[in-house]
Amino acid sequence: MQVILLKRNEDFGMNPYIVLLKPRVIWLLILASAAGYIYAAPQIEWNKLASLLLAAALSIGGSAAFNHYWERDIDALMARTAKRPLPAGLVPPSNALMYSLALSAAGIAAGFYLLGPLPGLFVALGWFFYAVVYTMWLKRRTWLNILGGGFAGNATFLGGYALAKGTVDLPALLISFAIYLWIPSHIWALAYRYRHDYRKAGIPMLPALIDERKAVVIISVLNILSAAYILLLYFIFGSGAAGFVLVLAGVAATVATSLYALRKTTDEAMWKMYKTSSPILALFSSRDATLRRGRRRIIPLLKERTPRIKQAQQRGPPLGPRTRAFLKT
């Protein structure tokens, strides 16, 4: 193995081994994992949450580093990625491979050892869908690549949920698909801006394969549907004004920029839609803490009042003053 290079990547402003983790991308998935735990946990256990964040950061970061290694040849062909650590010569490929595998193994092992079998399984599945299904199998073969790899987003949320509840139920699956639906429209909006790069590298991303007008329509409509689904989930599972304001703000901004992109069909409009849709997943995940606080206030109150309600029902309707006076005679 070659000596590790510690030269900073000036284009990213950080050490190249940190760049390999794709920190600007993976934090959203780590947040989704934490949101799954916070939403399902009756009470937060901070040691469990810390273990979850550790396993998620290692496994997701490891899969991102492996993506850098596997795609180093096509990264060198595209202007957007040519200055990444491997094509720029800042990190030897052998180092990147060992680094990615070490992080991945540590993350998956931490998932099973610290979190348990079911959460650990979801940690492993999240890594598998991104590193193997998306990066190795599908990305260079079909435009369905992002639809296959997108299940990594489901797995991150479900891992946190399973840690808190010990199982995965229908609400968990429905909420996890908010992440799944968000991923294609977000990634395809980015790919639209760099569609010429993808054509040059021979990568079959949807915006690089079809007419530009059709690509704008598909991406914008999918973006609107993704936002609508998030709002629907809030109406089904949500509560509280604070969470509603957060989600509604993100949905409104996403829909407005998507409609703007449909009307203008320009690179600038699509980029604006991409940048605006970025925070909606963070807003949706953040609102889980609000829902949990609301649930903690409501459930104990119901438990306290339910026995008194049952006792009142058994006694029958309350007696009026005239009835009580008659009974005393």
Protein backbone atom coordinates (compact mmCIF):
# COMPACT_ATOMS: atom_id res chain seq x y z
CA MET A 1 0.00 0.00 0.00
CA GLN A 2 1.29 3.42 -0.88
CA VAL A 3 1.97 6.09 1.72
CA ILE A 4 -1.17 8.05 2.58
CA LEU A 5 -1.18 11.55 1.13
CA LEU A 6 -2.37 14.29 3.46
CA LYS A 7 -2.33 17.20 1.02
CA ARG A 8 -5.53 19.22 1.21
CA ASN A 9 -7.85 19.25 -1.77
CA GLU A 10 -8.04 22.97 -2.46
CA ASP A 11 -11.21 22.65 -4.55
CA PHE A 12 -13.08 21.10 -1.62
CA GLY A 13 -11.28 22.92 1.21
CA MET A 14 -10.64 19.77 3.23
CA ASN A 15 -8.41 16.72 3.54
CA PRO A 16 -8.93 14.38 0.55
CA TYR A 17 -9.75 11.44 2.82
CA ILE A 18 -12.62 13.46 4.24
CA VAL A 19 -13.71 14.34 0.70
CA LEU A 20 -13.91 10.61 -0.08
CA LEU A 21 -16.71 10.33 2.50
CA LYS A 22 -18.87 12.81 0.54
CA PRO A 23 -19.72 14.77 3.73
CA ARG A 24 -22.01 17.19 1.89
CA VAL A 25 -24.19 14.25 0.85
CA ILE A 26 -24.05 11.62 3.59
CA TRP A 27 -25.16 13.91 6.43
CA LEU A 28 -28.71 13.80 5.06
CA LEU A 29 -28.77 10.01 5.23
CA ILE A 30 -27.26 10.04 8.72
CA LEU A 31 -29.97 12.52 9.73
CA ALA A 32 -32.62 10.19 8.27
CA SER A 33 -31.25 7.35 10.37
CA ALA A 34 -31.42 9.48 13.52
CA ALA A 35 -34.93 10.64 12.58
CA GLY A 36 -36.12 7.03 12.34
CA TYR A 37 -34.89 6.36 15.86
CA ILE A 38 -36.23 9.59 17.37
CA TYR A 39 -39.64 9.13 15.74
CA ALA A 40 -40.14 5.57 17.01
CA ALA A 41 -38.45 5.74 20.42
CA PRO A 42 -40.79 6.19 23.41
CA GLN A 43 -37.80 7.77 25.15
CA ILE A 44 -34.44 8.69 23.67
CA GLU A 45 -31.51 6.66 24.98
CA TRP A 46 -28.51 8.78 24.07
CA ASN A 47 -26.05 5.90 24.09
CA LYS A 48 -28.17 4.08 21.51
CA LEU A 49 -28.49 7.20 19.37
CA ALA A 50 -24.73 7.77 19.52
CA SER A 51 -24.08 4.14 18.50
CA LEU A 52 -26.54 4.50 15.62
CA LEU A 53 -24.86 7.67 14.37
CA LEU A 54 -21.45 6.00 14.59
CA ALA A 55 -22.53 2.91 12.63
CA ALA A 56 -24.36 5.03 10.04
CA ALA A 57 -21.47 7.45 9.54
CA LEU A 58 -18.93 4.64 9.11
CA SER A 59 -21.02 2.48 6.78
CA ILE A 60 -22.41 5.33 4.66
CA GLY A 61 -19.04 7.04 4.52
CA GLY A 62 -17.41 3.75 3.58
CA SER A 63 -19.85 3.18 0.72
CA ALA A 64 -19.22 6.74 -0.51
CA ALA A 65 -15.45 6.18 -0.44
CA PHE A 66 -15.93 2.91 -2.35
CA ASN A 67 -17.98 4.83 -4.93
CA HIS A 68 -15.01 7.18 -5.40
CA TYR A 69 -12.71 4.20 -5.92
CA TRP A 70 -14.98 2.32 -8.33
CA GLU A 71 -15.82 5.36 -10.46
CA ARG A 72 -12.37 6.94 -10.61
CA ASP A 73 -12.12 6.34 -14.37
CA ILE A 74 -15.40 8.04 -15.27
CA ASP A 75 -14.80 10.78 -12.69
CA ALA A 76 -11.68 11.73 -14.65
CA LEU A 77 -13.81 12.26 -17.79
CA MET A 78 -16.33 14.67 -16.27
CA ALA A 79 -15.63 18.30 -15.44
CA ARG A 80 -17.73 18.15 -12.26
CA THR A 81 -15.75 15.25 -10.78
CA ALA A 82 -12.29 15.56 -12.39
CA LYS A 83 -10.86 17.29 -9.31
CA ARG A 84 -11.99 14.62 -6.87
CA PRO A 85 -9.14 13.05 -4.85
CA LEU A 86 -8.53 10.00 -7.05
CA PRO A 87 -8.58 11.57 -10.53
CA ALA A 88 -6.61 14.51 -9.13
CA GLY A 89 -3.91 12.13 -7.87
CA LEU A 90 -4.29 13.13 -4.21
CA VAL A 91 -5.11 9.61 -3.02
CA PRO A 92 -3.69 6.37 -4.52
CA PRO A 93 -6.45 3.95 -5.65
CA SER A 94 -5.15 1.15 -3.38
CA ASN A 95 -5.36 3.45 -0.37
CA ALA A 96 -8.89 4.52 -1.28
CA LEU A 97 -10.00 0.89 -1.62
CA MET A 98 -8.56 -0.20 1.72
CA TYR A 99 -9.88 2.94 3.40
CA SER A 100 -13.39 2.37 2.04
CA LEU A 101 -13.46 -1.32 2.96
CA ALA A 102 -12.13 -0.65 6.46
CA LEU A 103 -14.78 1.99 7.12
CA SER A 104 -17.52 -0.18 5.64
CA ALA A 105 -16.53 -3.24 7.68
CA ALA A 106 -16.30 -1.17 10.85
CA GLY A 107 -19.71 0.39 10.23
CA ILE A 108 -21.49 -2.88 9.50
CA ALA A 109 -19.79 -4.60 12.45
CA ALA A 110 -20.80 -1.72 14.73
CA GLY A 111 -24.35 -2.02 13.42
CA PHE A 112 -24.68 -5.67 14.38
CA TYR A 113 -22.65 -5.49 17.61
CA LEU A 114 -23.89 -2.19 19.06
CA LEU A 115 -27.42 -2.00 17.62
CA GLY A 116 -28.58 -5.61 17.25
CA PRO A 117 -29.48 -7.99 14.41
CA LEU A 118 -32.37 -6.09 12.79
CA PRO A 119 -30.86 -2.57 12.87
CA GLY A 120 -27.53 -4.09 11.85
CA LEU A 121 -29.21 -5.74 8.87
CA PHE A 122 -30.52 -2.37 7.69
CA VAL A 123 -27.08 -0.80 8.12
CA ALA A 124 -25.67 -3.58 5.91
CA LEU A 125 -28.50 -3.22 3.37
CA GLY A 126 -27.94 0.53 3.13
CA TRP A 127 -24.28 -0.10 2.29
CA PHE A 128 -25.16 -2.89 -0.14
CA PHE A 129 -27.72 -0.92 -2.14
CA TYR A 130 -25.36 2.03 -2.64
CA ALA A 131 -21.98 0.33 -3.01
CA VAL A 132 -23.04 -2.80 -4.89
CA VAL A 133 -26.48 -2.33 -6.48
CA TYR A 134 -26.01 1.29 -7.55
CA THR A 135 -22.25 1.71 -7.95
CA MET A 136 -21.16 -1.70 -9.24
CA TRP A 137 -24.24 -3.18 -10.94
CA LEU A 138 -26.53 -0.51 -12.31
CA LYS A 139 -24.89 2.88 -12.77
CA ARG A 140 -23.05 2.06 -16.00
CA ARG A 141 -25.77 -0.22 -17.35
CA THR A 142 -29.21 1.38 -17.10
CA TRP A 143 -31.07 4.61 -16.34
CA LEU A 144 -32.83 2.64 -13.59
CA ASN A 145 -29.61 2.88 -11.57
CA ILE A 146 -30.91 5.51 -9.16
CA LEU A 147 -34.19 3.64 -8.65
CA GLY A 148 -32.28 0.56 -7.52
CA GLY A 149 -29.75 2.40 -5.41
CA GLY A 150 -32.43 4.59 -3.83
CA PHE A 151 -33.40 1.80 -1.44
CA ALA A 152 -30.28 2.75 0.51
CA GLY A 153 -32.30 5.74 1.69
CA ASN A 154 -35.11 3.52 2.96
CA ALA A 155 -32.61 1.35 4.82
CA THR A 156 -31.08 4.26 6.73
CA PHE A 157 -34.43 5.38 8.15
CA LEU A 158 -35.58 1.81 8.87
CA GLY A 159 -32.37 1.04 10.74
CA GLY A 160 -33.05 3.83 13.21
CA TYR A 161 -36.72 2.88 13.47
CA ALA A 162 -35.89 -0.78 14.12
CA LEU A 163 -33.40 0.19 16.83
CA ALA A 164 -36.13 2.09 18.69
CA LYS A 165 -39.05 -0.28 18.19
CA GLY A 166 -37.45 -3.67 17.64
CA THR A 167 -39.48 -4.19 14.46
CA VAL A 168 -40.52 -2.52 11.22
CA ASP A 169 -44.20 -1.84 10.57
CA LEU A 170 -46.32 -0.23 7.85
CA PRO A 171 -45.89 3.37 9.09
CA ALA A 172 -42.11 2.90 9.03
CA LEU A 173 -42.20 1.65 5.43
CA LEU A 174 -44.48 4.47 4.30
CA ILE A 175 -42.30 7.14 5.90
CA SER A 176 -39.10 5.62 4.49
CA PHE A 177 -40.50 5.97 0.97
CA ALA A 178 -40.46 9.75 1.39
CA ILE A 179 -36.67 9.42 1.17
CA TYR A 180 -36.89 6.99 -1.74
CA LEU A 181 -39.10 9.32 -3.80
CA TRP A 182 -36.94 12.34 -3.03
CA ILE A 183 -33.69 10.75 -4.23
CA PRO A 184 -34.42 10.30 -8.00
CA SER A 185 -35.81 13.78 -8.58
CA HIS A 186 -32.93 15.32 -6.63
CA ILE A 187 -30.18 13.33 -8.37
CA TRP A 188 -31.72 13.68 -11.82
CA ALA A 189 -31.99 17.46 -11.37
CA LEU A 190 -28.24 17.50 -10.69
CA ALA A 191 -27.62 15.14 -13.62
CA TYR A 192 -29.63 17.45 -15.89
CA ARG A 193 -27.17 20.28 -15.24
CA TYR A 194 -24.25 17.98 -16.09
CA ARG A 195 -25.99 15.89 -18.76
CA HIS A 196 -23.24 16.61 -21.31
CA ASP A 197 -20.66 15.26 -18.88
CA TYR A 198 -22.66 12.07 -18.41
CA ARG A 199 -22.98 11.63 -22.19
CA LYS A 200 -19.25 12.11 -22.57
CA ALA A 201 -18.54 9.50 -19.91
CA GLY A 202 -21.17 7.10 -21.29
CA ILE A 203 -23.22 7.00 -18.08
CA PRO A 204 -26.93 6.31 -18.79
CA MET A 205 -28.47 8.85 -16.43
CA LEU A 206 -32.04 9.65 -17.50
CA PRO A 207 -31.48 13.35 -18.39
CA ALA A 208 -28.57 12.33 -20.64
CA LEU A 209 -30.69 9.85 -22.60
CA ILE A 210 -33.94 11.64 -23.45
CA ASP A 211 -35.10 14.92 -24.95
CA GLU A 212 -34.35 17.86 -22.66
CA ARG A 213 -37.97 19.03 -22.52
CA LYS A 214 -39.13 15.54 -21.52
CA ALA A 215 -36.41 15.38 -18.89
CA VAL A 216 -37.54 18.68 -17.35
CA VAL A 217 -41.16 17.50 -17.24
CA ILE A 218 -40.34 14.13 -15.67
CA ILE A 219 -37.99 15.56 -13.04
CA SER A 220 -40.24 18.49 -12.13
CA VAL A 221 -43.40 16.38 -11.85
CA LEU A 222 -41.56 13.76 -9.78
CA ASN A 223 -40.26 16.53 -7.53
CA ILE A 224 -43.82 17.83 -7.00
CA LEU A 225 -45.12 14.32 -6.29
CA SER A 226 -42.32 13.74 -3.80
CA ALA A 227 -43.21 16.97 -1.96
CA ALA A 228 -46.93 16.09 -2.02
CA TYR A 229 -46.18 12.65 -0.57
CA ILE A 230 -44.22 14.23 2.27
CA LEU A 231 -47.14 16.54 3.03
CA LEU A 232 -49.56 13.59 2.92
CA LEU A 233 -47.41 11.68 5.40
CA TYR A 234 -47.53 14.62 7.75
CA PHE A 235 -51.32 14.70 7.63
CA ILE A 236 -51.43 10.95 8.36
CA PHE A 237 -48.76 10.68 11.04
CA GLY A 238 -47.98 14.24 12.07
CA SER A 239 -49.16 16.62 14.75
CA GLY A 240 -48.23 20.06 16.00
CA ALA A 241 -48.02 23.46 14.38
CA ALA A 242 -44.23 23.69 14.48
CA GLY A 243 -43.72 20.54 12.42
CA PHE A 244 -46.45 21.55 9.99
CA VAL A 245 -44.82 24.95 9.37
CA LEU A 246 -41.45 23.30 8.68
CA VAL A 247 -42.86 20.76 6.26
CA LEU A 248 -45.21 23.21 4.55
CA ALA A 249 -42.37 25.69 3.95
CA GLY A 250 -40.24 23.02 2.30
CA VAL A 251 -43.12 21.67 0.22
CA ALA A 252 -44.18 25.13 -0.94
CA ALA A 253 -40.65 26.06 -2.01
CA THR A 254 -40.20 22.74 -3.82
CA VAL A 255 -43.50 23.01 -5.71
CA ALA A 256 -42.89 26.67 -6.63
CA THR A 257 -39.42 26.03 -8.08
CA SER A 258 -40.63 22.90 -9.87
CA LEU A 259 -43.41 24.85 -11.57
CA TYR A 260 -40.89 27.54 -12.43
CA ALA A 261 -38.64 24.93 -14.03
CA LEU A 262 -41.58 23.55 -16.03
CA ARG A 263 -42.36 27.02 -17.33
CA LYS A 264 -38.80 28.15 -18.10
CA THR A 265 -37.12 24.82 -19.02
CA THR A 266 -33.66 26.36 -18.61
CA ASP A 267 -30.52 25.11 -16.89
CA GLU A 268 -30.78 27.96 -14.40
CA ALA A 269 -34.37 27.08 -13.46
CA MET A 270 -33.50 23.40 -13.03
CA TRP A 271 -30.52 24.28 -10.84
CA LYS A 272 -32.73 26.47 -8.69
CA MET A 273 -35.16 23.56 -8.30
CA TYR A 274 -32.27 21.28 -7.31
CA LYS A 275 -30.95 23.69 -4.69
CA THR A 276 -34.43 24.36 -3.27
CA SER A 277 -35.37 20.70 -3.02
CA SER A 278 -32.20 19.90 -1.07
CA PRO A 279 -33.46 21.08 2.36
CA ILE A 280 -36.90 19.42 2.18
CA LEU A 281 -35.58 16.03 3.30
CA ALA A 282 -33.78 17.69 6.21
CA LEU A 283 -36.97 19.55 7.16
CA PHE A 284 -39.04 16.37 6.91
CA SER A 285 -36.54 14.43 9.03
CA SER A 286 -36.20 17.23 11.59
CA ARG A 287 -39.93 17.36 12.17
CA ASP A 288 -39.76 13.84 13.65
CA ALA A 289 -38.43 15.32 16.88
CA THR A 290 -41.48 17.62 17.00
CA LEU A 291 -43.83 14.69 16.44
CA ARG A 292 -42.14 12.72 19.17
CA ARG A 293 -42.49 15.55 21.69
CA GLY A 294 -46.16 15.89 20.80
CA ARG A 295 -46.68 12.14 21.20
CA ARG A 296 -45.00 12.18 24.62
CA ARG A 297 -47.44 14.84 25.81
CA ILE A 298 -50.56 13.17 24.43
CA ILE A 299 -50.04 9.50 25.32
CA PRO A 300 -49.51 9.93 29.10
CA LEU A 301 -52.52 12.24 29.23
CA LEU A 302 -54.70 9.61 27.55
CA LYS A 303 -53.40 6.89 29.88
CA GLU A 304 -54.19 9.06 32.88
CA ARG A 305 -57.72 9.91 31.79
CA THR A 306 -58.82 6.56 30.33
CA PRO A 307 -59.52 4.80 33.70
CA ARG A 308 -61.55 7.79 34.91
CA ILE A 309 -63.58 7.80 31.70
CA LYS A 310 -64.32 4.07 32.08
CA GLN A 311 -65.39 4.53 35.70
CA ALA A 312 -67.74 7.33 34.71
CA GLN A 313 -69.25 5.16 31.97
CA GLN A 314 -69.85 2.32 34.44
CA ARG A 315 -71.57 4.65 36.90
CA GLY A 316 -73.87 5.93 34.17
CA PRO A 317 -74.82 9.52 33.37
CA PRO A 318 -74.43 12.10 36.17
CA LEU A 319 -77.56 12.81 38.26
CA GLY A 320 -79.18 16.24 38.13
CA PRO A 321 -79.91 18.30 41.31
CA ARG A 322 -83.67 17.52 41.29
CA THR A 323 -83.01 13.77 41.01
CA ARG A 324 -80.54 13.85 43.90
CA ALA A 325 -83.06 15.79 46.06
CA PHE A 326 -85.80 13.23 45.27
CA LEU A 327 -83.57 10.30 46.23
CA LYS A 328 -82.76 11.89 49.60
CA THR A 329 -86.49 12.01 50.57
